[in-house]
Amino acid sequence: MGEISFNYLVILLCLIVNYTWLKGFDRFDDGWFFRFRRAIEHQLADCTAKYAKAWWISLVIIYIIPILVLVGLLVLLDNQFFSLPTMLLHILVLLIAFDRTQPGQMVAEFLERWRKGNLESCVEFLQEDMGIPDADCERDEISLKNCFNKELVNGYFGKIFAIFFWYMLAGPLGVVFNYISYQLLDSESKVVSEQSVILINWVIYVLEWIPIRLLGLTFSLASNFVDSFDRFKAFFWRFSLDLDSAELCAGGACP
């Protein structure tokens, strides 16, 4: 079986498992990563305190250890039982890497609150179920609708598309690298440095740069292409953290 065909089959099986067996299951417990990160940072706290530029050491270790563990498992399972264990490992890595929240379920729950005219309930849904800060949730109908569309497109489709994109290019190692980057951005740390936050944001921006643009173009083709593409092309080649990936991706989806 060719590598590309194998990867496509893994993605298809992953989506089937996610939609059927794990349909009511929000996500795997990511607590292990937060404990792992705190343990590494605690062990290196003295070094980080003494040397201003030692912050990058903990980041490298946090990336390297899970990747080395995965490499070891891939080598151990290579060519065993017609590659079935390897396929199962690929599927498990993908399932761990992305939310199992169903987009259709999210849309249905939001629309149910929206049709009742209960804007406060919509705000509560955006904050509690989609993790949007209170400061970003305005209380008028148009702002709430745009906020939901933006978060759905980028927070779900954008992230998942980026994970699948790097899986096709780099296999499960690319997925793990993406997963660690997103977790480093989302998880809290008492000893995290400003340089570390900036670096992680740049890493995620680079990882999403091509996938987000491909997804935006796809959405443009599925909607009013002329209007969507006119807005989309103005930002297509820009490479800056000031450009919101969510706005760029939603721009192609929401004419």
C-alpha atoms as a PDB file:
ATOM      1  CA  MET A   1       0.000   0.000   0.000  1.00  0.00           C
ATOM      2  CA  GLY A   2       1.440   3.394  -0.994  1.00  0.00           C
ATOM      3  CA  GLU A   3       2.186   5.846   1.785  1.00  0.00           C
ATOM      4  CA  ILE A   4      -0.296   8.429   0.504  1.00  0.00           C
ATOM      5  CA  SER A   5      -3.065   5.812   0.203  1.00  0.00           C
ATOM      6  CA  PHE A   6      -2.207   4.559   3.689  1.00  0.00           C
ATOM      7  CA  ASN A   7      -2.459   8.084   5.112  1.00  0.00           C
ATOM      8  CA  TYR A   8      -5.780   8.750   3.378  1.00  0.00           C
ATOM      9  CA  LEU A   9      -7.154   5.475   4.748  1.00  0.00           C
ATOM     10  CA  VAL A  10      -6.001   6.381   8.267  1.00  0.00           C
ATOM     11  CA  ILE A  11      -7.699   9.795   8.051  1.00  0.00           C
ATOM     12  CA  LEU A  12     -10.924   8.208   6.789  1.00  0.00           C
ATOM     13  CA  LEU A  13     -10.934   5.611   9.582  1.00  0.00           C
ATOM     14  CA  CYS A  14     -10.133   8.301  12.126  1.00  0.00           C
ATOM     15  CA  LEU A  15     -13.101  10.411  11.020  1.00  0.00           C
ATOM     16  CA  ILE A  16     -15.407   7.374  11.070  1.00  0.00           C
ATOM     17  CA  VAL A  17     -14.310   6.431  14.595  1.00  0.00           C
ATOM     18  CA  ASN A  18     -14.667  10.037  15.710  1.00  0.00           C
ATOM     19  CA  TYR A  19     -18.179  10.408  14.306  1.00  0.00           C
ATOM     20  CA  THR A  20     -19.567   7.049  15.436  1.00  0.00           C
ATOM     21  CA  TRP A  21     -17.842   5.519  18.442  1.00  0.00           C
ATOM     22  CA  LEU A  22     -16.606   8.799  19.986  1.00  0.00           C
ATOM     23  CA  LYS A  23     -19.549  10.978  18.950  1.00  0.00           C
ATOM     24  CA  GLY A  24     -20.578  11.795  22.515  1.00  0.00           C
ATOM     25  CA  PHE A  25     -17.030  11.907  23.849  1.00  0.00           C
ATOM     26  CA  ASP A  26     -15.677  15.461  24.121  1.00  0.00           C
ATOM     27  CA  ARG A  27     -11.952  14.771  24.033  1.00  0.00           C
ATOM     28  CA  PHE A  28      -9.173  12.661  25.484  1.00  0.00           C
ATOM     29  CA  ASP A  29      -7.762  13.818  28.794  1.00  0.00           C
ATOM     30  CA  ASP A  30      -4.853  16.175  28.081  1.00  0.00           C
ATOM     31  CA  GLY A  31      -3.940  16.377  31.746  1.00  0.00           C
ATOM     32  CA  TRP A  32      -0.917  14.150  31.168  1.00  0.00           C
ATOM     33  CA  PHE A  33       0.667  16.826  28.980  1.00  0.00           C
ATOM     34  CA  PHE A  34       0.114  19.580  31.516  1.00  0.00           C
ATOM     35  CA  ARG A  35       1.683  17.420  34.257  1.00  0.00           C
ATOM     36  CA  PHE A  36       4.562  16.525  31.932  1.00  0.00           C
ATOM     37  CA  ARG A  37       5.159  20.181  31.119  1.00  0.00           C
ATOM     38  CA  ARG A  38       5.099  21.239  34.775  1.00  0.00           C
ATOM     39  CA  ALA A  39       7.512  18.420  35.686  1.00  0.00           C
ATOM     40  CA  ILE A  40      10.022  19.465  33.004  1.00  0.00           C
ATOM     41  CA  GLU A  41       9.784  23.143  33.924  1.00  0.00           C
ATOM     42  CA  HIS A  42      10.132  22.313  37.638  1.00  0.00           C
ATOM     43  CA  GLN A  43      13.287  20.281  36.996  1.00  0.00           C
ATOM     44  CA  LEU A  44      14.802  23.129  34.989  1.00  0.00           C
ATOM     45  CA  ALA A  45      13.553  25.984  37.183  1.00  0.00           C
ATOM     46  CA  ASP A  46      16.963  26.653  38.756  1.00  0.00           C
ATOM     47  CA  CYS A  47      18.698  26.689  35.368  1.00  0.00           C
ATOM     48  CA  THR A  48      16.054  29.010  33.926  1.00  0.00           C
ATOM     49  CA  ALA A  49      16.366  31.380  36.877  1.00  0.00           C
ATOM     50  CA  LYS A  50      20.168  31.616  36.540  1.00  0.00           C
ATOM     51  CA  TYR A  51      20.396  31.954  32.757  1.00  0.00           C
ATOM     52  CA  ALA A  52      18.109  34.350  30.908  1.00  0.00           C
ATOM     53  CA  LYS A  53      18.283  32.397  27.636  1.00  0.00           C
ATOM     54  CA  ALA A  54      17.774  28.957  29.193  1.00  0.00           C
ATOM     55  CA  TRP A  55      13.989  29.110  28.625  1.00  0.00           C
ATOM     56  CA  TRP A  56      14.358  27.381  25.258  1.00  0.00           C
ATOM     57  CA  ILE A  57      15.859  24.257  26.869  1.00  0.00           C
ATOM     58  CA  SER A  58      12.565  23.231  28.477  1.00  0.00           C
ATOM     59  CA  LEU A  59      10.721  23.839  25.200  1.00  0.00           C
ATOM     60  CA  VAL A  60      13.126  21.600  23.296  1.00  0.00           C
ATOM     61  CA  ILE A  61      12.799  18.823  25.889  1.00  0.00           C
ATOM     62  CA  ILE A  62       8.982  19.103  25.900  1.00  0.00           C
ATOM     63  CA  TYR A  63       8.978  18.629  22.137  1.00  0.00           C
ATOM     64  CA  ILE A  64      11.704  15.992  21.936  1.00  0.00           C
ATOM     65  CA  ILE A  65      10.568  13.443  24.550  1.00  0.00           C
ATOM     66  CA  PRO A  66       7.061  12.682  23.131  1.00  0.00           C
ATOM     67  CA  ILE A  67       8.475  12.624  19.598  1.00  0.00           C
ATOM     68  CA  LEU A  68      11.223  10.168  20.605  1.00  0.00           C
ATOM     69  CA  VAL A  69       8.661   7.940  22.344  1.00  0.00           C
ATOM     70  CA  LEU A  70       6.532   7.916  19.190  1.00  0.00           C
ATOM     71  CA  VAL A  71       9.571   7.149  17.019  1.00  0.00           C
ATOM     72  CA  GLY A  72      10.399   4.223  19.279  1.00  0.00           C
ATOM     73  CA  LEU A  73       6.860   2.846  18.987  1.00  0.00           C
ATOM     74  CA  LEU A  74       6.864   3.243  15.197  1.00  0.00           C
ATOM     75  CA  VAL A  75      10.175   1.389  14.917  1.00  0.00           C
ATOM     76  CA  LEU A  76       8.935  -1.345  17.253  1.00  0.00           C
ATOM     77  CA  LEU A  77       5.708  -1.848  15.285  1.00  0.00           C
ATOM     78  CA  ASP A  78       7.205  -1.477  11.813  1.00  0.00           C
ATOM     79  CA  ASN A  79       6.098  -4.250   9.410  1.00  0.00           C
ATOM     80  CA  GLN A  80       4.348  -6.188  12.184  1.00  0.00           C
ATOM     81  CA  PHE A  81       1.118  -8.063  11.289  1.00  0.00           C
ATOM     82  CA  PHE A  82       0.740  -6.412   7.867  1.00  0.00           C
ATOM     83  CA  SER A  83       1.191  -2.888   9.361  1.00  0.00           C
ATOM     84  CA  LEU A  84      -2.088  -3.126  11.298  1.00  0.00           C
ATOM     85  CA  PRO A  85      -0.516  -2.069  14.662  1.00  0.00           C
ATOM     86  CA  THR A  86       1.126   0.863  12.883  1.00  0.00           C
ATOM     87  CA  MET A  87      -2.224   1.940  11.441  1.00  0.00           C
ATOM     88  CA  LEU A  88      -3.870   1.723  14.873  1.00  0.00           C
ATOM     89  CA  LEU A  89      -1.081   3.848  16.346  1.00  0.00           C
ATOM     90  CA  HIS A  90      -1.556   6.469  13.605  1.00  0.00           C
ATOM     91  CA  ILE A  91      -5.310   6.571  14.282  1.00  0.00           C
ATOM     92  CA  LEU A  92      -4.762   6.890  18.047  1.00  0.00           C
ATOM     93  CA  VAL A  93      -2.324   9.779  17.560  1.00  0.00           C
ATOM     94  CA  LEU A  94      -4.803  11.621  15.332  1.00  0.00           C
ATOM     95  CA  LEU A  95      -7.703  11.058  17.733  1.00  0.00           C
ATOM     96  CA  ILE A  96      -5.664  12.390  20.639  1.00  0.00           C
ATOM     97  CA  ALA A  97      -4.635  15.458  18.651  1.00  0.00           C
ATOM     98  CA  PHE A  98      -8.031  16.968  17.903  1.00  0.00           C
ATOM     99  CA  ASP A  99     -11.311  17.678  19.653  1.00  0.00           C
ATOM    100  CA  ARG A 100     -14.078  15.178  19.226  1.00  0.00           C
ATOM    101  CA  THR A 101     -16.787  17.847  19.434  1.00  0.00           C
ATOM    102  CA  GLN A 102     -19.008  17.443  16.373  1.00  0.00           C
ATOM    103  CA  PRO A 103     -19.403  20.658  14.334  1.00  0.00           C
ATOM    104  CA  GLY A 104     -22.992  19.752  13.451  1.00  0.00           C
ATOM    105  CA  GLN A 105     -23.809  19.366  17.130  1.00  0.00           C
ATOM    106  CA  MET A 106     -22.181  22.709  17.934  1.00  0.00           C
ATOM    107  CA  VAL A 107     -24.170  24.481  15.204  1.00  0.00           C
ATOM    108  CA  ALA A 108     -27.442  22.876  16.343  1.00  0.00           C
ATOM    109  CA  GLU A 109     -26.904  23.887  19.977  1.00  0.00           C
ATOM    110  CA  PHE A 110     -26.011  27.470  19.058  1.00  0.00           C
ATOM    111  CA  LEU A 111     -28.947  27.833  16.629  1.00  0.00           C
ATOM    112  CA  GLU A 112     -31.353  26.508  19.266  1.00  0.00           C
ATOM    113  CA  ARG A 113     -30.334  29.333  21.603  1.00  0.00           C
ATOM    114  CA  TRP A 114     -30.214  31.835  18.741  1.00  0.00           C
ATOM    115  CA  ARG A 115     -33.760  31.116  17.550  1.00  0.00           C
ATOM    116  CA  LYS A 116     -35.098  31.624  21.058  1.00  0.00           C
ATOM    117  CA  GLY A 117     -33.614  35.124  20.996  1.00  0.00           C
ATOM    118  CA  ASN A 118     -31.671  34.458  24.179  1.00  0.00           C
ATOM    119  CA  LEU A 119     -28.455  36.388  23.499  1.00  0.00           C
ATOM    120  CA  GLU A 120     -27.102  35.846  27.006  1.00  0.00           C
ATOM    121  CA  SER A 121     -27.450  32.102  26.490  1.00  0.00           C
ATOM    122  CA  CYS A 122     -25.540  32.437  23.201  1.00  0.00           C
ATOM    123  CA  VAL A 123     -22.764  34.330  24.985  1.00  0.00           C
ATOM    124  CA  GLU A 124     -22.646  31.640  27.653  1.00  0.00           C
ATOM    125  CA  PHE A 125     -22.343  28.967  24.954  1.00  0.00           C
ATOM    126  CA  LEU A 126     -19.476  30.821  23.248  1.00  0.00           C
ATOM    127  CA  GLN A 127     -17.627  31.228  26.532  1.00  0.00           C
ATOM    128  CA  GLU A 128     -18.148  27.824  28.124  1.00  0.00           C
ATOM    129  CA  ASP A 129     -18.362  25.492  25.108  1.00  0.00           C
ATOM    130  CA  MET A 130     -16.075  27.286  22.656  1.00  0.00           C
ATOM    131  CA  GLY A 131     -13.639  28.876  25.094  1.00  0.00           C
ATOM    132  CA  ILE A 132     -14.036  32.470  23.868  1.00  0.00           C
ATOM    133  CA  PRO A 133     -13.033  35.100  26.474  1.00  0.00           C
ATOM    134  CA  ASP A 134     -15.759  37.342  27.846  1.00  0.00           C
ATOM    135  CA  ALA A 135     -14.040  40.425  26.433  1.00  0.00           C
ATOM    136  CA  ASP A 136     -14.444  39.079  22.882  1.00  0.00           C
ATOM    137  CA  CYS A 137     -18.192  38.432  23.185  1.00  0.00           C
ATOM    138  CA  GLU A 138     -20.294  41.452  22.276  1.00  0.00           C
ATOM    139  CA  ARG A 139     -23.992  41.266  23.068  1.00  0.00           C
ATOM    140  CA  ASP A 140     -25.558  42.199  19.714  1.00  0.00           C
ATOM    141  CA  GLU A 141     -26.864  39.627  17.223  1.00  0.00           C
ATOM    142  CA  ILE A 142     -24.508  40.366  14.329  1.00  0.00           C
ATOM    143  CA  SER A 143     -21.385  40.287  16.527  1.00  0.00           C
ATOM    144  CA  LEU A 144     -22.438  37.021  18.167  1.00  0.00           C
ATOM    145  CA  LYS A 145     -23.132  35.389  14.804  1.00  0.00           C
ATOM    146  CA  ASN A 146     -19.793  36.527  13.377  1.00  0.00           C
ATOM    147  CA  CYS A 147     -17.981  35.421  16.520  1.00  0.00           C
ATOM    148  CA  PHE A 148     -19.517  31.953  16.306  1.00  0.00           C
ATOM    149  CA  ASN A 149     -18.773  31.607  12.567  1.00  0.00           C
ATOM    150  CA  LYS A 150     -15.187  32.706  13.060  1.00  0.00           C
ATOM    151  CA  GLU A 151     -14.544  30.338  15.946  1.00  0.00           C
ATOM    152  CA  LEU A 152     -16.250  27.394  14.239  1.00  0.00           C
ATOM    153  CA  VAL A 153     -14.313  27.842  11.004  1.00  0.00           C
ATOM    154  CA  ASN A 154     -10.899  28.460  12.531  1.00  0.00           C
ATOM    155  CA  GLY A 155     -11.174  26.798  15.938  1.00  0.00           C
ATOM    156  CA  TYR A 156     -12.497  23.538  14.532  1.00  0.00           C
ATOM    157  CA  PHE A 157     -12.028  23.242  10.768  1.00  0.00           C
ATOM    158  CA  GLY A 158      -8.815  25.291  10.646  1.00  0.00           C
ATOM    159  CA  LYS A 159      -7.058  23.340  13.378  1.00  0.00           C
ATOM    160  CA  ILE A 160      -8.213  19.945  12.118  1.00  0.00           C
ATOM    161  CA  PHE A 161      -7.259  20.764   8.545  1.00  0.00           C
ATOM    162  CA  ALA A 162      -3.786  21.851   9.720  1.00  0.00           C
ATOM    163  CA  ILE A 163      -3.348  18.593  11.631  1.00  0.00           C
ATOM    164  CA  PHE A 164      -4.398  16.495   8.616  1.00  0.00           C
ATOM    165  CA  PHE A 165      -2.203  18.591   6.313  1.00  0.00           C
ATOM    166  CA  TRP A 166       0.912  17.923   8.386  1.00  0.00           C
ATOM    167  CA  TYR A 167      -0.059  14.301   8.833  1.00  0.00           C
ATOM    168  CA  MET A 168      -0.001  13.893   5.048  1.00  0.00           C
ATOM    169  CA  LEU A 169       3.433  15.534   4.893  1.00  0.00           C
ATOM    170  CA  ALA A 170       5.151  14.208   8.025  1.00  0.00           C
ATOM    171  CA  GLY A 171       2.961  11.375   9.333  1.00  0.00           C
ATOM    172  CA  PRO A 172       2.235  10.997  13.053  1.00  0.00           C
ATOM    173  CA  LEU A 173       5.412  12.924  13.944  1.00  0.00           C
ATOM    174  CA  GLY A 174       3.902  16.016  12.304  1.00  0.00           C
ATOM    175  CA  VAL A 175       0.678  15.453  14.251  1.00  0.00           C
ATOM    176  CA  VAL A 176       2.532  15.204  17.567  1.00  0.00           C
ATOM    177  CA  PHE A 177       4.504  18.369  16.813  1.00  0.00           C
ATOM    178  CA  ASN A 178       1.239  20.218  16.092  1.00  0.00           C
ATOM    179  CA  TYR A 179      -0.412  18.780  19.202  1.00  0.00           C
ATOM    180  CA  ILE A 180       2.452  19.877  21.469  1.00  0.00           C
ATOM    181  CA  SER A 181       2.453  23.369  19.951  1.00  0.00           C
ATOM    182  CA  TYR A 182      -1.284  23.855  20.513  1.00  0.00           C
ATOM    183  CA  GLN A 183      -1.064  22.473  24.050  1.00  0.00           C
ATOM    184  CA  LEU A 184       1.852  24.755  24.908  1.00  0.00           C
ATOM    185  CA  LEU A 185      -0.219  27.707  23.761  1.00  0.00           C
ATOM    186  CA  ASP A 186      -3.367  26.653  25.638  1.00  0.00           C
ATOM    187  CA  SER A 187      -1.872  25.346  28.886  1.00  0.00           C
ATOM    188  CA  GLU A 188      -0.926  27.662  31.734  1.00  0.00           C
ATOM    189  CA  SER A 189       2.523  27.827  33.271  1.00  0.00           C
ATOM    190  CA  LYS A 190       3.828  29.872  36.189  1.00  0.00           C
ATOM    191  CA  VAL A 191       7.378  29.942  34.883  1.00  0.00           C
ATOM    192  CA  VAL A 192       6.721  30.520  31.179  1.00  0.00           C
ATOM    193  CA  SER A 193       8.740  33.381  29.704  1.00  0.00           C
ATOM    194  CA  GLU A 194       7.567  36.048  27.282  1.00  0.00           C
ATOM    195  CA  GLN A 195      10.072  34.794  24.699  1.00  0.00           C
ATOM    196  CA  SER A 196       8.582  31.309  24.981  1.00  0.00           C
ATOM    197  CA  VAL A 197       5.057  32.602  24.328  1.00  0.00           C
ATOM    198  CA  ILE A 198       6.234  34.593  21.300  1.00  0.00           C
ATOM    199  CA  LEU A 199       8.110  31.590  19.892  1.00  0.00           C
ATOM    200  CA  ILE A 200       5.129  29.253  20.329  1.00  0.00           C
ATOM    201  CA  ASN A 201       2.839  31.751  18.589  1.00  0.00           C
ATOM    202  CA  TRP A 202       5.282  31.938  15.687  1.00  0.00           C
ATOM    203  CA  VAL A 203       5.548  28.138  15.497  1.00  0.00           C
ATOM    204  CA  ILE A 204       1.759  27.783  15.309  1.00  0.00           C
ATOM    205  CA  TYR A 205       1.535  30.609  12.775  1.00  0.00           C
ATOM    206  CA  VAL A 206       4.075  28.874  10.527  1.00  0.00           C
ATOM    207  CA  LEU A 207       2.309  25.515  10.931  1.00  0.00           C
ATOM    208  CA  GLU A 208      -1.034  27.069   9.968  1.00  0.00           C
ATOM    209  CA  TRP A 209       0.170  29.417   7.218  1.00  0.00           C
ATOM    210  CA  ILE A 210      -0.284  27.073   4.257  1.00  0.00           C
ATOM    211  CA  PRO A 211      -3.230  24.960   5.589  1.00  0.00           C
ATOM    212  CA  ILE A 212      -5.305  28.020   6.542  1.00  0.00           C
ATOM    213  CA  ARG A 213      -4.846  29.529   3.091  1.00  0.00           C
ATOM    214  CA  LEU A 214      -5.727  26.280   1.356  1.00  0.00           C
ATOM    215  CA  LEU A 215      -8.830  25.979   3.529  1.00  0.00           C
ATOM    216  CA  GLY A 216      -9.797  29.595   2.845  1.00  0.00           C
ATOM    217  CA  LEU A 217      -9.511  28.995  -0.892  1.00  0.00           C
ATOM    218  CA  THR A 218     -11.647  25.867  -0.560  1.00  0.00           C
ATOM    219  CA  PHE A 219     -14.331  27.806   1.293  1.00  0.00           C
ATOM    220  CA  SER A 220     -14.178  30.519  -1.382  1.00  0.00           C
ATOM    221  CA  LEU A 221     -14.874  27.943  -4.088  1.00  0.00           C
ATOM    222  CA  ALA A 222     -17.867  26.660  -2.125  1.00  0.00           C
ATOM    223  CA  SER A 223     -19.366  30.129  -1.570  1.00  0.00           C
ATOM    224  CA  ASN A 224     -19.451  33.372  -3.563  1.00  0.00           C
ATOM    225  CA  PHE A 225     -15.996  32.933  -5.057  1.00  0.00           C
ATOM    226  CA  VAL A 226     -15.553  36.432  -6.530  1.00  0.00           C
ATOM    227  CA  ASP A 227     -16.466  38.341  -3.369  1.00  0.00           C
ATOM    228  CA  SER A 228     -14.719  35.914  -1.018  1.00  0.00           C
ATOM    229  CA  PHE A 229     -11.543  35.728  -3.087  1.00  0.00           C
ATOM    230  CA  ASP A 230     -11.332  39.514  -3.466  1.00  0.00           C
ATOM    231  CA  ARG A 231     -11.153  39.830   0.327  1.00  0.00           C
ATOM    232  CA  PHE A 232      -8.999  36.761   0.688  1.00  0.00           C
ATOM    233  CA  LYS A 233      -6.267  37.666  -1.823  1.00  0.00           C
ATOM    234  CA  ALA A 234      -5.504  40.977  -0.089  1.00  0.00           C
ATOM    235  CA  PHE A 235      -4.051  39.031   2.856  1.00  0.00           C
ATOM    236  CA  PHE A 236      -2.906  35.864   1.081  1.00  0.00           C
ATOM    237  CA  TRP A 237       0.840  36.553   0.995  1.00  0.00           C
ATOM    238  CA  ARG A 238       1.097  38.459   4.266  1.00  0.00           C
ATOM    239  CA  PHE A 239       3.327  36.823   6.855  1.00  0.00           C
ATOM    240  CA  SER A 240       2.741  38.502  10.195  1.00  0.00           C
ATOM    241  CA  LEU A 241       1.341  37.645  13.605  1.00  0.00           C
ATOM    242  CA  ASP A 242      -0.830  40.757  13.296  1.00  0.00           C
ATOM    243  CA  LEU A 243      -2.918  38.919  10.698  1.00  0.00           C
ATOM    244  CA  ASP A 244      -5.587  36.848  12.431  1.00  0.00           C
ATOM    245  CA  SER A 245      -5.727  33.368  10.886  1.00  0.00           C
ATOM    246  CA  ALA A 246      -9.340  33.065  12.009  1.00  0.00           C
ATOM    247  CA  GLU A 247     -10.300  36.217  10.085  1.00  0.00           C
ATOM    248  CA  LEU A 248      -8.444  34.998   7.008  1.00  0.00           C
ATOM    249  CA  CYS A 249     -10.036  31.558   7.083  1.00  0.00           C
ATOM    250  CA  ALA A 250     -13.517  32.869   7.864  1.00  0.00           C
ATOM    251  CA  GLY A 251     -13.140  35.423   5.094  1.00  0.00           C
ATOM    252  CA  GLY A 252     -13.258  32.645   2.537  1.00  0.00           C
ATOM    253  CA  ALA A 253     -16.164  30.910   4.246  1.00  0.00           C
ATOM    254  CA  CYS A 254     -18.360  33.887   5.029  1.00  0.00           C
ATOM    255  CA  PRO A 255     -18.991  36.184   2.045  1.00  0.00           C
END
